[in-house]
Protein backbone atom coordinates (compact mmCIF):
# COMPACT_ATOMS: atom_id res chain seq x y z
CA MET A 1 139.55 -87.05 181.61
CA ASP A 2 138.22 -83.49 181.52
CA GLU A 3 140.30 -82.51 184.54
CA ILE A 4 143.48 -83.77 182.85
CA PHE A 5 142.48 -81.99 179.64
CA ASP A 6 141.97 -78.69 181.49
CA LYS A 7 145.20 -79.03 183.48
CA MET A 8 147.29 -79.83 180.40
CA ALA A 9 145.76 -77.11 178.24
CA GLY A 10 146.05 -74.64 181.14
CA GLY A 11 149.72 -75.48 181.78
CA GLU A 12 149.01 -76.85 185.28
CA ALA A 13 150.35 -80.37 184.53
CA ALA A 14 153.55 -81.49 182.86
CA LEU A 15 152.74 -84.99 181.64
CA ALA A 16 149.64 -87.09 180.98
CA PRO A 17 148.57 -90.05 178.85
CA TYR A 18 145.88 -88.84 176.50
CA TYR A 19 144.04 -89.47 173.26
CA ALA A 20 145.73 -88.19 170.09
CA GLY A 21 142.68 -86.22 168.89
CA ASP A 22 142.36 -84.44 172.22
CA ALA A 23 146.10 -83.77 172.22
CA ILE A 24 145.70 -81.90 168.94
CA THR A 25 143.04 -79.70 170.53
CA MET A 26 145.15 -79.14 173.67
CA ILE A 27 148.17 -78.15 171.57
CA GLN A 28 146.02 -75.65 169.67
CA ASP A 29 145.01 -74.16 173.03
CA ASN A 30 148.54 -74.31 174.43
CA PRO A 31 151.37 -74.43 171.85
CA ASP A 32 153.87 -75.22 174.63
CA LEU A 33 152.51 -78.77 174.75
CA ALA A 34 153.75 -81.68 172.66
CA PHE A 35 152.56 -85.21 171.92
CA VAL A 36 154.93 -88.16 171.93
CA PHE A 37 154.49 -91.77 170.88
CA PRO A 38 156.67 -93.81 173.28
CA LYS A 39 159.64 -95.48 171.59
CA GLU A 40 158.44 -98.77 173.13
CA GLY A 41 155.21 -98.44 171.20
CA SER A 42 151.62 -97.52 171.79
CA ASN A 43 148.21 -98.97 171.25
CA LEU A 44 146.29 -98.80 168.01
CA TYR A 45 142.64 -98.05 168.46
CA VAL A 46 139.56 -97.68 166.37
CA ASP A 47 136.54 -95.64 167.29
CA ALA A 48 133.46 -97.19 165.78
CA MET A 49 129.78 -96.60 165.33
CA CYS A 50 128.10 -99.85 166.24
CA ILE A 51 124.54 -101.05 166.17
CA PRO A 52 123.46 -103.37 168.99
CA LYS A 53 122.25 -106.76 167.80
CA ASN A 54 118.82 -106.25 169.37
CA CYS A 55 118.39 -102.67 168.11
CA LYS A 56 114.76 -101.71 167.48
CA ASN A 57 115.60 -99.05 164.88
CA LYS A 58 118.36 -100.74 162.88
CA GLU A 59 117.43 -99.01 159.62
CA ALA A 60 117.54 -95.55 161.26
CA ALA A 61 120.91 -96.40 162.84
CA GLU A 62 122.28 -97.46 159.45
CA ILE A 63 120.98 -94.25 157.86
CA PHE A 64 122.69 -92.22 160.60
CA ILE A 65 126.00 -94.05 160.13
CA ASN A 66 125.79 -93.56 156.36
CA TYR A 67 125.08 -89.86 156.94
CA MET A 68 128.11 -89.55 159.25
CA CYS A 69 130.25 -91.13 156.49
CA GLU A 70 129.23 -88.58 153.83
CA THR A 71 132.34 -86.66 152.85
CA ASP A 72 131.25 -83.20 153.99
CA VAL A 73 129.72 -84.48 157.25
CA ALA A 74 132.70 -86.71 158.05
CA ALA A 75 135.08 -83.84 157.29
CA ALA A 76 133.16 -81.51 159.62
CA ASN A 77 133.17 -84.20 162.31
CA CYS A 78 136.91 -84.78 161.84
CA ASP A 79 137.63 -81.06 161.96
CA TYR A 80 135.47 -80.56 165.06
CA THR A 81 136.86 -83.50 167.05
CA GLY A 82 140.45 -83.33 165.82
CA TYR A 83 140.39 -87.09 165.36
CA SER A 84 141.63 -88.81 162.24
CA THR A 85 139.43 -90.33 159.58
CA PRO A 86 139.71 -93.62 157.69
CA ILE A 87 138.00 -92.07 154.66
CA ASP A 88 140.69 -91.02 152.15
CA GLU A 89 138.42 -88.49 150.43
CA VAL A 90 137.76 -86.81 153.77
CA ARG A 91 141.44 -86.71 154.72
CA GLU A 92 142.29 -85.04 151.42
CA SER A 93 139.67 -82.34 152.10
CA LEU A 94 141.15 -81.40 155.50
CA ASP A 95 143.38 -78.39 156.01
CA ASP A 96 147.06 -79.18 155.53
CA GLU A 97 147.91 -78.91 159.24
CA LEU A 98 145.48 -81.68 160.23
CA LYS A 99 145.88 -83.73 157.04
CA ASN A 100 149.66 -83.92 157.60
CA SER A 101 149.59 -84.17 161.39
CA PRO A 102 151.94 -86.88 162.66
CA ILE A 103 149.68 -87.10 165.72
CA ALA A 104 146.48 -87.79 163.76
CA TYR A 105 148.23 -89.80 161.05
CA PRO A 106 151.39 -91.39 162.50
CA ASP A 107 154.04 -92.72 160.15
CA ALA A 108 154.71 -96.39 159.40
CA ASP A 109 157.43 -96.62 162.08
CA VAL A 110 154.99 -95.61 164.82
CA ILE A 111 152.34 -97.99 163.49
CA GLU A 112 154.86 -100.84 163.36
CA ARG A 113 155.80 -100.29 167.03
CA SER A 114 152.16 -100.24 168.10
CA GLU A 115 149.69 -103.00 168.81
CA VAL A 116 145.98 -103.58 168.94
CA PHE A 117 144.72 -104.60 172.36
CA THR A 118 143.03 -107.95 172.16
CA THR A 119 140.38 -109.66 174.21
CA LEU A 120 141.87 -111.27 177.28
CA PRO A 121 141.50 -115.01 177.81
CA ALA A 122 138.44 -116.10 179.82
CA GLU A 123 140.58 -117.24 182.78
CA VAL A 124 142.26 -113.82 183.04
CA ASN A 125 138.88 -112.05 182.94
CA ALA A 126 137.55 -114.48 185.57
CA ALA A 127 140.54 -113.80 187.83
CA MET A 128 140.09 -110.02 187.45
CA ASP A 129 136.36 -110.32 188.16
CA GLN A 130 137.09 -112.39 191.26
CA GLY A 131 139.72 -109.91 192.45
CA TRP A 132 137.31 -107.01 191.96
CA SER A 133 134.53 -108.88 193.78
CA ASP A 134 136.89 -109.73 196.64
CA MET A 135 137.95 -106.11 196.95
CA LYS A 136 134.35 -104.84 196.96
CA SER A 137 132.96 -107.46 199.32
CA PHE A 138 132.30 -106.73 202.95
CA ASP A 139 133.81 -109.88 204.38
CA GLU A 140 135.19 -110.62 207.82
CA ASN A 141 138.59 -109.21 206.81
CA GLY A 142 137.05 -105.79 206.30
CA SER A 143 138.43 -105.37 202.76
CA GLY A 144 135.14 -103.82 201.66
CA TRP A 145 135.66 -100.93 204.04
CA MET A 146 138.77 -99.98 202.11
CA VAL A 147 136.60 -99.31 199.06
CA VAL A 148 134.18 -97.22 201.10
CA GLY A 149 137.10 -95.31 202.62
CA LEU A 150 138.69 -94.68 199.23
CA MET A 151 135.37 -93.50 197.84
CA ALA A 152 134.96 -91.13 200.80
CA ILE A 153 138.44 -89.75 200.22
CA ALA A 154 137.71 -89.31 196.49
CA LEU A 155 134.46 -87.51 197.33
CA ALA A 156 136.24 -85.25 199.80
CA LEU A 157 138.94 -84.42 197.25
CA SER A 158 136.30 -83.67 194.62
CA CYS A 159 134.48 -81.35 197.00
CA PHE A 160 137.76 -79.64 197.89
CA ASN A 161 138.60 -79.13 194.19
CA ILE A 162 135.17 -77.68 193.48
CA TRP A 163 135.48 -75.35 196.47
CA ARG A 164 139.00 -74.31 195.38
CA LYS A 165 137.87 -73.58 191.81
CA LEU A 166 134.85 -71.61 192.97
CA ARG A 167 137.03 -69.62 195.37
CA ALA A 168 139.54 -68.85 192.60
CA LYS A 169 136.73 -67.87 190.24
CA MET A 170 135.25 -65.52 192.84
CA ARG A 171 138.69 -63.93 193.36
CA ASN A 172 139.11 -63.46 189.60
CA ASP A 173 135.65 -61.92 189.29
CA TYR A 174 136.57 -59.14 191.72
């Protein structure tokens, strides 16, 4: 994700799927960028603060969540991350650019064309798990070696990118 973020903000890439809040930050860094909700629709998502059922410090977690929902704290968090807020009082306290952002707060038409991803049926999850296991396994067909090969290629590409960035940085420093 960070590589896409850097390439988009730096003008090195022309198109990428990305989170709305990060898009706002990228556009601030590079005003030549734009954010588009596809006419076919998009997904609706909710970031949440959750407490695990077996949490040992449930009261402290609840205090933290309550703190994060205080108007001034939530506003600072919203301003810092660029992400929208479900708290009306916080939204009203934001600067006009963010408060009225069609990226952070899409209109009813965009919402209507969007959907919430739901939990897949157990049989679909089982089939995906089996497919993943088959791909990773080192069976007589050698399919497991494909994973190892792809990982080696990914590692080599990562090393090459690091080398390239370091080389460019050294050239810029001189």
